[in-house]
Amino acid sequence: MSGNSPDLFELPSVDGNWGEWSQWTNCDVSCAGGRRSRQRACTNPKPMYGGIDCSGDAHQEEKCATYPCPIIDRFGLNQVKFFQQHCVLSVIIY
């Protein structure tokens, strides 16, 4: 032995790897454009003993409910849907 004591318990490094993505959250609105997100963790395995951390994003977002909101007038939502589905041009006189 040369004066330096060897590290008898030196463990090999373990690089991190991503776990599964979580489920997408609910959209934050029901129409006119919203956002939803999901997460993942660097735990499959987590980096240890000087291993490299996961690269990439732990969080994702995307657009959701991008369709326009329905117009509700004095006839109510069902009547508006009927006009949208069955009429080429609807003129309502108040």
PDB file of N, CA and C in Angstrom:
ATOM      1  N   MET A   1       0.834  -1.170   0.000  1.00  0.00           N
ATOM      2  CA  MET A   1       0.000   0.000   0.000  1.00  0.00           C
ATOM      3  C   MET A   1       0.874   1.226   0.000  1.00  0.00           C
ATOM      4  N   SER A   2       0.518   2.169  -0.773  1.00  0.00           N
ATOM      5  CA  SER A   2       1.349   3.364  -0.901  1.00  0.00           C
ATOM      6  C   SER A   2       0.886   4.483  -0.007  1.00  0.00           C
ATOM      7  N   GLY A   3       0.708   4.758   0.961  1.00  0.00           N
ATOM      8  CA  GLY A   3       0.325   5.907   1.750  1.00  0.00           C
ATOM      9  C   GLY A   3      -1.129   6.321   1.563  1.00  0.00           C
ATOM     10  N   ASN A   4      -1.694   6.183   0.387  1.00  0.00           N
ATOM     11  CA  ASN A   4      -3.113   6.501   0.161  1.00  0.00           C
ATOM     12  C   ASN A   4      -3.918   5.234   0.385  1.00  0.00           C
ATOM     13  N   SER A   5      -4.943   5.380   1.186  1.00  0.00           N
ATOM     14  CA  SER A   5      -5.744   4.192   1.441  1.00  0.00           C
ATOM     15  C   SER A   5      -6.802   4.074   0.347  1.00  0.00           C
ATOM     16  N   PRO A   6      -6.919   2.940  -0.281  1.00  0.00           N
ATOM     17  CA  PRO A   6      -7.896   2.780  -1.358  1.00  0.00           C
ATOM     18  C   PRO A   6      -9.318   2.829  -0.805  1.00  0.00           C
ATOM     19  N   ASP A   7     -10.236   3.322  -1.649  1.00  0.00           N
ATOM     20  CA  ASP A   7     -11.643   3.378  -1.263  1.00  0.00           C
ATOM     21  C   ASP A   7     -12.227   1.987  -1.480  1.00  0.00           C
ATOM     22  N   LEU A   8     -12.369   1.253  -0.410  1.00  0.00           N
ATOM     23  CA  LEU A   8     -12.804  -0.132  -0.524  1.00  0.00           C
ATOM     24  C   LEU A   8     -14.272  -0.267  -0.933  1.00  0.00           C
ATOM     25  N   PHE A   9     -15.059   0.787  -0.676  1.00  0.00           N
ATOM     26  CA  PHE A   9     -16.489   0.693  -0.942  1.00  0.00           C
ATOM     27  C   PHE A   9     -16.927   1.638  -2.056  1.00  0.00           C
ATOM     28  N   GLU A  10     -16.107   1.876  -3.026  1.00  0.00           N
ATOM     29  CA  GLU A  10     -16.467   2.763  -4.134  1.00  0.00           C
ATOM     30  C   GLU A  10     -17.534   2.080  -4.977  1.00  0.00           C
ATOM     31  N   LEU A  11     -18.674   2.764  -5.100  1.00  0.00           N
ATOM     32  CA  LEU A  11     -19.794   2.212  -5.858  1.00  0.00           C
ATOM     33  C   LEU A  11     -19.819   2.836  -7.251  1.00  0.00           C
ATOM     34  N   PRO A  12     -20.208   2.096  -8.237  1.00  0.00           N
ATOM     35  CA  PRO A  12     -20.280   2.664  -9.589  1.00  0.00           C
ATOM     36  C   PRO A  12     -21.405   3.702  -9.657  1.00  0.00           C
ATOM     37  N   SER A  13     -21.200   4.718 -10.476  1.00  0.00           N
ATOM     38  CA  SER A  13     -22.232   5.747 -10.623  1.00  0.00           C
ATOM     39  C   SER A  13     -23.454   5.153 -11.320  1.00  0.00           C
ATOM     40  N   VAL A  14     -24.603   5.720 -11.002  1.00  0.00           N
ATOM     41  CA  VAL A  14     -25.871   5.303 -11.613  1.00  0.00           C
ATOM     42  C   VAL A  14     -26.481   6.538 -12.256  1.00  0.00           C
ATOM     43  N   ASP A  15     -26.629   6.517 -13.576  1.00  0.00           N
ATOM     44  CA  ASP A  15     -27.252   7.633 -14.274  1.00  0.00           C
ATOM     45  C   ASP A  15     -28.765   7.580 -14.090  1.00  0.00           C
ATOM     46  N   GLY A  16     -29.370   8.760 -14.036  1.00  0.00           N
ATOM     47  CA  GLY A  16     -30.814   8.848 -13.874  1.00  0.00           C
ATOM     48  C   GLY A  16     -31.556   8.534 -15.162  1.00  0.00           C
ATOM     49  N   ASN A  17     -32.773   8.096 -14.990  1.00  0.00           N
ATOM     50  CA  ASN A  17     -33.643   7.828 -16.127  1.00  0.00           C
ATOM     51  C   ASN A  17     -35.065   8.249 -15.748  1.00  0.00           C
ATOM     52  N   TRP A  18     -35.818   8.736 -16.732  1.00  0.00           N
ATOM     53  CA  TRP A  18     -37.175   9.212 -16.463  1.00  0.00           C
ATOM     54  C   TRP A  18     -38.131   8.073 -16.128  1.00  0.00           C
ATOM     55  N   GLY A  19     -39.042   8.356 -15.206  1.00  0.00           N
ATOM     56  CA  GLY A  19     -40.167   7.466 -14.950  1.00  0.00           C
ATOM     57  C   GLY A  19     -41.278   7.768 -15.944  1.00  0.00           C
ATOM     58  N   GLU A  20     -42.404   7.124 -15.781  1.00  0.00           N
ATOM     59  CA  GLU A  20     -43.545   7.316 -16.680  1.00  0.00           C
ATOM     60  C   GLU A  20     -44.141   8.717 -16.510  1.00  0.00           C
ATOM     61  N   TRP A  21     -44.744   9.215 -17.579  1.00  0.00           N
ATOM     62  CA  TRP A  21     -45.484  10.480 -17.499  1.00  0.00           C
ATOM     63  C   TRP A  21     -46.747  10.269 -16.665  1.00  0.00           C
ATOM     64  N   SER A  22     -47.130  11.288 -15.911  1.00  0.00           N
ATOM     65  CA  SER A  22     -48.409  11.243 -15.202  1.00  0.00           C
ATOM     66  C   SER A  22     -49.536  11.387 -16.218  1.00  0.00           C
ATOM     67  N   GLN A  23     -50.752  11.174 -15.775  1.00  0.00           N
ATOM     68  CA  GLN A  23     -51.910  11.436 -16.626  1.00  0.00           C
ATOM     69  C   GLN A  23     -51.997  12.942 -16.887  1.00  0.00           C
ATOM     70  N   TRP A  24     -52.588  13.327 -18.001  1.00  0.00           N
ATOM     71  CA  TRP A  24     -52.809  14.746 -18.272  1.00  0.00           C
ATOM     72  C   TRP A  24     -53.807  15.298 -17.258  1.00  0.00           C
ATOM     73  N   THR A  25     -53.583  16.516 -16.804  1.00  0.00           N
ATOM     74  CA  THR A  25     -54.552  17.180 -15.932  1.00  0.00           C
ATOM     75  C   THR A  25     -55.786  17.509 -16.759  1.00  0.00           C
ATOM     76  N   ASN A  26     -56.885  17.832 -16.093  1.00  0.00           N
ATOM     77  CA  ASN A  26     -58.066  18.302 -16.800  1.00  0.00           C
ATOM     78  C   ASN A  26     -57.750  19.652 -17.432  1.00  0.00           C
ATOM     79  N   CYS A  27     -58.402  19.929 -18.534  1.00  0.00           N
ATOM     80  CA  CYS A  27     -58.240  21.231 -19.170  1.00  0.00           C
ATOM     81  C   CYS A  27     -58.742  22.302 -18.214  1.00  0.00           C
ATOM     82  N   ASP A  28     -58.058  23.449 -18.175  1.00  0.00           N
ATOM     83  CA  ASP A  28     -58.437  24.490 -17.213  1.00  0.00           C
ATOM     84  C   ASP A  28     -59.653  25.307 -17.643  1.00  0.00           C
ATOM     85  N   VAL A  29     -60.156  25.108 -18.866  1.00  0.00           N
ATOM     86  CA  VAL A  29     -61.390  25.746 -19.334  1.00  0.00           C
ATOM     87  C   VAL A  29     -62.167  24.720 -20.157  1.00  0.00           C
ATOM     88  N   SER A  30     -63.443  25.004 -20.431  1.00  0.00           N
ATOM     89  CA  SER A  30     -64.245  24.054 -21.204  1.00  0.00           C
ATOM     90  C   SER A  30     -64.365  24.431 -22.679  1.00  0.00           C
ATOM     91  N   CYS A  31     -63.941  25.651 -23.040  1.00  0.00           N
ATOM     92  CA  CYS A  31     -63.966  26.069 -24.442  1.00  0.00           C
ATOM     93  C   CYS A  31     -63.087  27.312 -24.599  1.00  0.00           C
ATOM     94  N   ALA A  32     -62.852  27.696 -25.836  1.00  0.00           N
ATOM     95  CA  ALA A  32     -62.102  28.914 -26.192  1.00  0.00           C
ATOM     96  C   ALA A  32     -60.612  28.845 -25.887  1.00  0.00           C
ATOM     97  N   GLY A  33     -60.092  27.677 -25.697  1.00  0.00           N
ATOM     98  CA  GLY A  33     -58.645  27.524 -25.542  1.00  0.00           C
ATOM     99  C   GLY A  33     -58.167  27.527 -24.111  1.00  0.00           C
ATOM    100  N   GLY A  34     -57.601  26.432 -23.702  1.00  0.00           N
ATOM    101  CA  GLY A  34     -57.060  26.305 -22.357  1.00  0.00           C
ATOM    102  C   GLY A  34     -55.748  25.546 -22.396  1.00  0.00           C
ATOM    103  N   ARG A  35     -55.289  25.145 -21.234  1.00  0.00           N
ATOM    104  CA  ARG A  35     -54.027  24.408 -21.103  1.00  0.00           C
ATOM    105  C   ARG A  35     -54.238  23.211 -20.189  1.00  0.00           C
ATOM    106  N   ARG A  36     -53.461  22.174 -20.457  1.00  0.00           N
ATOM    107  CA  ARG A  36     -53.388  21.037 -19.544  1.00  0.00           C
ATOM    108  C   ARG A  36     -51.925  20.615 -19.468  1.00  0.00           C
ATOM    109  N   SER A  37     -51.587  19.857 -18.424  1.00  0.00           N
ATOM    110  CA  SER A  37     -50.169  19.526 -18.229  1.00  0.00           C
ATOM    111  C   SER A  37     -50.013  18.126 -17.654  1.00  0.00           C
ATOM    112  N   ARG A  38     -48.755  17.671 -17.676  1.00  0.00           N
ATOM    113  CA  ARG A  38     -48.399  16.399 -17.053  1.00  0.00           C
ATOM    114  C   ARG A  38     -46.941  16.481 -16.619  1.00  0.00           C
ATOM    115  N   GLN A  39     -46.553  15.573 -15.698  1.00  0.00           N
ATOM    116  CA  GLN A  39     -45.204  15.579 -15.134  1.00  0.00           C
ATOM    117  C   GLN A  39     -44.606  14.178 -15.157  1.00  0.00           C
ATOM    118  N   ARG A  40     -43.298  14.161 -14.989  1.00  0.00           N
ATOM    119  CA  ARG A  40     -42.585  12.901 -14.786  1.00  0.00           C
ATOM    120  C   ARG A  40     -41.408  13.190 -13.865  1.00  0.00           C
ATOM    121  N   ALA A  41     -40.876  12.152 -13.242  1.00  0.00           N
ATOM    122  CA  ALA A  41     -39.778  12.316 -12.288  1.00  0.00           C
ATOM    123  C   ALA A  41     -38.574  11.488 -12.723  1.00  0.00           C
ATOM    124  N   CYS A  42     -37.406  11.970 -12.365  1.00  0.00           N
ATOM    125  CA  CYS A  42     -36.149  11.287 -12.690  1.00  0.00           C
ATOM    126  C   CYS A  42     -35.868  10.264 -11.583  1.00  0.00           C
ATOM    127  N   THR A  43     -36.628   9.169 -11.617  1.00  0.00           N
ATOM    128  CA  THR A  43     -36.557   8.192 -10.521  1.00  0.00           C
ATOM    129  C   THR A  43     -36.510   6.749 -11.000  1.00  0.00           C
ATOM    130  N   ASN A  44     -36.136   6.523 -12.251  1.00  0.00           N
ATOM    131  CA  ASN A  44     -36.193   5.167 -12.790  1.00  0.00           C
ATOM    132  C   ASN A  44     -34.882   4.751 -13.450  1.00  0.00           C
ATOM    133  N   PRO A  45     -33.796   4.726 -12.772  1.00  0.00           N
ATOM    134  CA  PRO A  45     -33.578   5.070 -11.357  1.00  0.00           C
ATOM    135  C   PRO A  45     -33.208   6.543 -11.212  1.00  0.00           C
ATOM    136  N   LYS A  46     -33.163   6.998  -9.979  1.00  0.00           N
ATOM    137  CA  LYS A  46     -32.667   8.350  -9.736  1.00  0.00           C
ATOM    138  C   LYS A  46     -31.139   8.297  -9.797  1.00  0.00           C
ATOM    139  N   PRO A  47     -30.511   9.410 -10.179  1.00  0.00           N
ATOM    140  CA  PRO A  47     -29.053   9.384 -10.267  1.00  0.00           C
ATOM    141  C   PRO A  47     -28.427   9.208  -8.877  1.00  0.00           C
ATOM    142  N   MET A  48     -27.385   8.385  -8.821  1.00  0.00           N
ATOM    143  CA  MET A  48     -26.712   8.140  -7.539  1.00  0.00           C
ATOM    144  C   MET A  48     -25.208   8.030  -7.759  1.00  0.00           C
ATOM    145  N   TYR A  49     -24.471   8.297  -6.717  1.00  0.00           N
ATOM    146  CA  TYR A  49     -23.013   8.131  -6.683  1.00  0.00           C
ATOM    147  C   TYR A  49     -22.322   8.882  -7.811  1.00  0.00           C
ATOM    148  N   GLY A  50     -22.794  10.110  -8.062  1.00  0.00           N
ATOM    149  CA  GLY A  50     -22.180  10.932  -9.100  1.00  0.00           C
ATOM    150  C   GLY A  50     -22.718  10.679 -10.494  1.00  0.00           C
ATOM    151  N   GLY A  51     -23.792   9.918 -10.610  1.00  0.00           N
ATOM    152  CA  GLY A  51     -24.384   9.642 -11.924  1.00  0.00           C
ATOM    153  C   GLY A  51     -25.020  10.884 -12.530  1.00  0.00           C
ATOM    154  N   ILE A  52     -25.274  10.836 -13.814  1.00  0.00           N
ATOM    155  CA  ILE A  52     -25.811  11.968 -14.562  1.00  0.00           C
ATOM    156  C   ILE A  52     -27.320  12.077 -14.335  1.00  0.00           C
ATOM    157  N   ASP A  53     -27.773  13.329 -14.147  1.00  0.00           N
ATOM    158  CA  ASP A  53     -29.198  13.613 -13.986  1.00  0.00           C
ATOM    159  C   ASP A  53     -29.915  13.409 -15.321  1.00  0.00           C
ATOM    160  N   CYS A  54     -31.214  13.220 -15.280  1.00  0.00           N
ATOM    161  CA  CYS A  54     -32.002  13.055 -16.503  1.00  0.00           C
ATOM    162  C   CYS A  54     -31.932  14.334 -17.333  1.00  0.00           C
ATOM    163  N   SER A  55     -31.935  14.170 -18.646  1.00  0.00           N
ATOM    164  CA  SER A  55     -31.986  15.343 -19.511  1.00  0.00           C
ATOM    165  C   SER A  55     -33.382  15.434 -20.108  1.00  0.00           C
ATOM    166  N   GLY A  56     -33.787  16.624 -20.449  1.00  0.00           N
ATOM    167  CA  GLY A  56     -35.127  16.819 -21.004  1.00  0.00           C
ATOM    168  C   GLY A  56     -36.055  17.438 -19.983  1.00  0.00           C
ATOM    169  N   ASP A  57     -37.296  17.559 -20.367  1.00  0.00           N
ATOM    170  CA  ASP A  57     -38.290  18.248 -19.536  1.00  0.00           C
ATOM    171  C   ASP A  57     -38.991  17.298 -18.573  1.00  0.00           C
ATOM    172  N   ALA A  58     -39.230  17.787 -17.375  1.00  0.00           N
ATOM    173  CA  ALA A  58     -40.004  17.043 -16.389  1.00  0.00           C
ATOM    174  C   ALA A  58     -41.472  17.456 -16.424  1.00  0.00           C
ATOM    175  N   HIS A  59     -41.790  18.499 -17.205  1.00  0.00           N
ATOM    176  CA  HIS A  59     -43.134  19.071 -17.248  1.00  0.00           C
ATOM    177  C   HIS A  59     -43.491  19.353 -18.709  1.00  0.00           C
ATOM    178  N   GLN A  60     -44.696  18.996 -19.110  1.00  0.00           N
ATOM    179  CA  GLN A  60     -45.193  19.314 -20.443  1.00  0.00           C
ATOM    180  C   GLN A  60     -46.536  19.995 -20.332  1.00  0.00           C
ATOM    181  N   GLU A  61     -46.806  20.913 -21.270  1.00  0.00           N
ATOM    182  CA  GLU A  61     -48.106  21.555 -21.378  1.00  0.00           C
ATOM    183  C   GLU A  61     -48.560  21.488 -22.819  1.00  0.00           C
ATOM    184  N   GLU A  62     -49.867  21.470 -23.003  1.00  0.00           N
ATOM    185  CA  GLU A  62     -50.418  21.530 -24.345  1.00  0.00           C
ATOM    186  C   GLU A  62     -51.748  22.265 -24.321  1.00  0.00           C
ATOM    187  N   LYS A  63     -52.165  22.715 -25.499  1.00  0.00           N
ATOM    188  CA  LYS A  63     -53.453  23.388 -25.629  1.00  0.00           C
ATOM    189  C   LYS A  63     -54.566  22.356 -25.538  1.00  0.00           C
ATOM    190  N   CYS A  64     -55.725  22.790 -25.091  1.00  0.00           N
ATOM    191  CA  CYS A  64     -56.902  21.926 -25.035  1.00  0.00           C
ATOM    192  C   CYS A  64     -58.155  22.780 -25.184  1.00  0.00           C
ATOM    193  N   ALA A  65     -59.278  22.151 -25.448  1.00  0.00           N
ATOM    194  CA  ALA A  65     -60.570  22.831 -25.599  1.00  0.00           C
ATOM    195  C   ALA A  65     -60.434  24.053 -26.495  1.00  0.00           C
ATOM    196  N   THR A  66     -59.898  23.849 -27.683  1.00  0.00           N
ATOM    197  CA  THR A  66     -59.616  24.968 -28.579  1.00  0.00           C
ATOM    198  C   THR A  66     -60.815  25.409 -29.410  1.00  0.00           C
ATOM    199  N   TYR A  67     -61.934  24.739 -29.281  1.00  0.00           N
ATOM    200  CA  TYR A  67     -63.127  25.103 -30.026  1.00  0.00           C
ATOM    201  C   TYR A  67     -63.811  26.306 -29.378  1.00  0.00           C
ATOM    202  N   PRO A  68     -64.598  27.078 -30.163  1.00  0.00           N
ATOM    203  CA  PRO A  68     -65.246  28.265 -29.603  1.00  0.00           C
ATOM    204  C   PRO A  68     -66.347  27.911 -28.605  1.00  0.00           C
ATOM    205  N   CYS A  69     -66.592  28.814 -27.690  1.00  0.00           N
ATOM    206  CA  CYS A  69     -67.680  28.624 -26.725  1.00  0.00           C
ATOM    207  C   CYS A  69     -69.021  28.819 -27.431  1.00  0.00           C
ATOM    208  N   PRO A  70     -70.057  28.081 -27.016  1.00  0.00           N
ATOM    209  CA  PRO A  70     -71.379  28.249 -27.635  1.00  0.00           C
ATOM    210  C   PRO A  70     -71.976  29.605 -27.266  1.00  0.00           C
ATOM    211  N   ILE A  71     -72.813  30.075 -28.156  1.00  0.00           N
ATOM    212  CA  ILE A  71     -73.524  31.333 -27.900  1.00  0.00           C
ATOM    213  C   ILE A  71     -74.846  30.972 -27.243  1.00  0.00           C
ATOM    214  N   ILE A  72     -75.123  31.561 -26.117  1.00  0.00           N
ATOM    215  CA  ILE A  72     -76.382  31.299 -25.417  1.00  0.00           C
ATOM    216  C   ILE A  72     -77.203  32.586 -25.456  1.00  0.00           C
ATOM    217  N   ASP A  73     -78.390  32.495 -26.049  1.00  0.00           N
ATOM    218  CA  ASP A  73     -79.264  33.667 -26.101  1.00  0.00           C
ATOM    219  C   ASP A  73     -80.563  33.354 -25.375  1.00  0.00           C
ATOM    220  N   ARG A  74     -81.577  34.153 -25.597  1.00  0.00           N
ATOM    221  CA  ARG A  74     -82.828  33.965 -24.863  1.00  0.00           C
ATOM    222  C   ARG A  74     -83.546  32.668 -25.207  1.00  0.00           C
ATOM    223  N   PHE A  75     -83.163  32.006 -26.311  1.00  0.00           N
ATOM    224  CA  PHE A  75     -83.774  30.733 -26.672  1.00  0.00           C
ATOM    225  C   PHE A  75     -83.076  29.562 -25.994  1.00  0.00           C
ATOM    226  N   GLY A  76     -81.911  29.796 -25.413  1.00  0.00           N
ATOM    227  CA  GLY A  76     -81.194  28.747 -24.717  1.00  0.00           C
ATOM    228  C   GLY A  76     -80.214  28.003 -25.623  1.00  0.00           C
ATOM    229  N   LEU A  77     -79.339  27.283 -24.990  1.00  0.00           N
ATOM    230  CA  LEU A  77     -78.265  26.584 -25.689  1.00  0.00           C
ATOM    231  C   LEU A  77     -78.790  25.550 -26.678  1.00  0.00           C
ATOM    232  N   ASN A  78     -79.813  24.789 -26.335  1.00  0.00           N
ATOM    233  CA  ASN A  78     -80.317  23.748 -27.236  1.00  0.00           C
ATOM    234  C   ASN A  78     -80.835  24.335 -28.541  1.00  0.00           C
ATOM    235  N   GLN A  79     -81.525  25.454 -28.464  1.00  0.00           N
ATOM    236  CA  GLN A  79     -82.039  26.089 -29.670  1.00  0.00           C
ATOM    237  C   GLN A  79     -80.890  26.578 -30.549  1.00  0.00           C
ATOM    238  N   VAL A  80     -79.836  27.129 -29.945  1.00  0.00           N
ATOM    239  CA  VAL A  80     -78.677  27.599 -30.704  1.00  0.00           C
ATOM    240  C   VAL A  80     -78.011  26.416 -31.403  1.00  0.00           C
ATOM    241  N   LYS A  81     -77.854  25.283 -30.713  1.00  0.00           N
ATOM    242  CA  LYS A  81     -77.271  24.098 -31.329  1.00  0.00           C
ATOM    243  C   LYS A  81     -78.116  23.629 -32.514  1.00  0.00           C
ATOM    244  N   PHE A  82     -79.442  23.672 -32.368  1.00  0.00           N
ATOM    245  CA  PHE A  82     -80.320  23.277 -33.462  1.00  0.00           C
ATOM    246  C   PHE A  82     -80.079  24.164 -34.670  1.00  0.00           C
ATOM    247  N   PHE A  83     -80.018  25.481 -34.456  1.00  0.00           N
ATOM    248  CA  PHE A  83     -79.769  26.402 -35.564  1.00  0.00           C
ATOM    249  C   PHE A  83     -78.424  26.118 -36.224  1.00  0.00           C
ATOM    250  N   GLN A  84     -77.415  25.871 -35.435  1.00  0.00           N
ATOM    251  CA  GLN A  84     -76.087  25.617 -35.988  1.00  0.00           C
ATOM    252  C   GLN A  84     -76.069  24.341 -36.822  1.00  0.00           C
ATOM    253  N   GLN A  85     -76.826  23.331 -36.418  1.00  0.00           N
ATOM    254  CA  GLN A  85     -76.789  22.044 -37.111  1.00  0.00           C
ATOM    255  C   GLN A  85     -77.733  21.974 -38.303  1.00  0.00           C
ATOM    256  N   HIS A  86     -78.860  22.729 -38.285  1.00  0.00           N
ATOM    257  CA  HIS A  86     -79.896  22.505 -39.283  1.00  0.00           C
ATOM    258  C   HIS A  86     -80.202  23.706 -40.178  1.00  0.00           C
ATOM    259  N   CYS A  87     -79.680  24.852 -39.889  1.00  0.00           N
ATOM    260  CA  CYS A  87     -80.009  26.044 -40.662  1.00  0.00           C
ATOM    261  C   CYS A  87     -78.769  26.613 -41.335  1.00  0.00           C
ATOM    262  N   VAL A  88     -78.930  26.995 -42.598  1.00  0.00           N
ATOM    263  CA  VAL A  88     -77.823  27.624 -43.295  1.00  0.00           C
ATOM    264  C   VAL A  88     -77.716  29.058 -42.825  1.00  0.00           C
ATOM    265  N   LEU A  89     -78.826  29.737 -42.697  1.00  0.00           N
ATOM    266  CA  LEU A  89     -78.838  31.126 -42.225  1.00  0.00           C
ATOM    267  C   LEU A  89     -80.053  31.284 -41.341  1.00  0.00           C
ATOM    268  N   SER A  90     -79.861  31.750 -40.158  1.00  0.00           N
ATOM    269  CA  SER A  90     -80.970  31.953 -39.236  1.00  0.00           C
ATOM    270  C   SER A  90     -81.076  33.437 -38.927  1.00  0.00           C
ATOM    271  N   VAL A  91     -82.287  33.975 -39.088  1.00  0.00           N
ATOM    272  CA  VAL A  91     -82.538  35.357 -38.734  1.00  0.00           C
ATOM    273  C   VAL A  91     -83.559  35.332 -37.615  1.00  0.00           C
ATOM    274  N   ILE A  92     -83.194  35.902 -36.511  1.00  0.00           N
ATOM    275  CA  ILE A  92     -84.084  35.942 -35.360  1.00  0.00           C
ATOM    276  C   ILE A  92     -84.486  37.390 -35.149  1.00  0.00           C
ATOM    277  N   ILE A  93     -85.787  37.646 -35.165  1.00  0.00           N
ATOM    278  CA  ILE A  93     -86.290  38.998 -34.948  1.00  0.00           C
ATOM    279  C   ILE A  93     -86.825  39.075 -33.541  1.00  0.00           C
ATOM    280  N   TYR A  94     -86.321  40.024 -32.791  1.00  0.00           N
ATOM    281  CA  TYR A  94     -86.752  40.190 -31.387  1.00  0.00           C
ATOM    282  C   TYR A  94     -87.883  41.151 -31.298  1.00  0.00           C
TER     283      TYR A  94
END
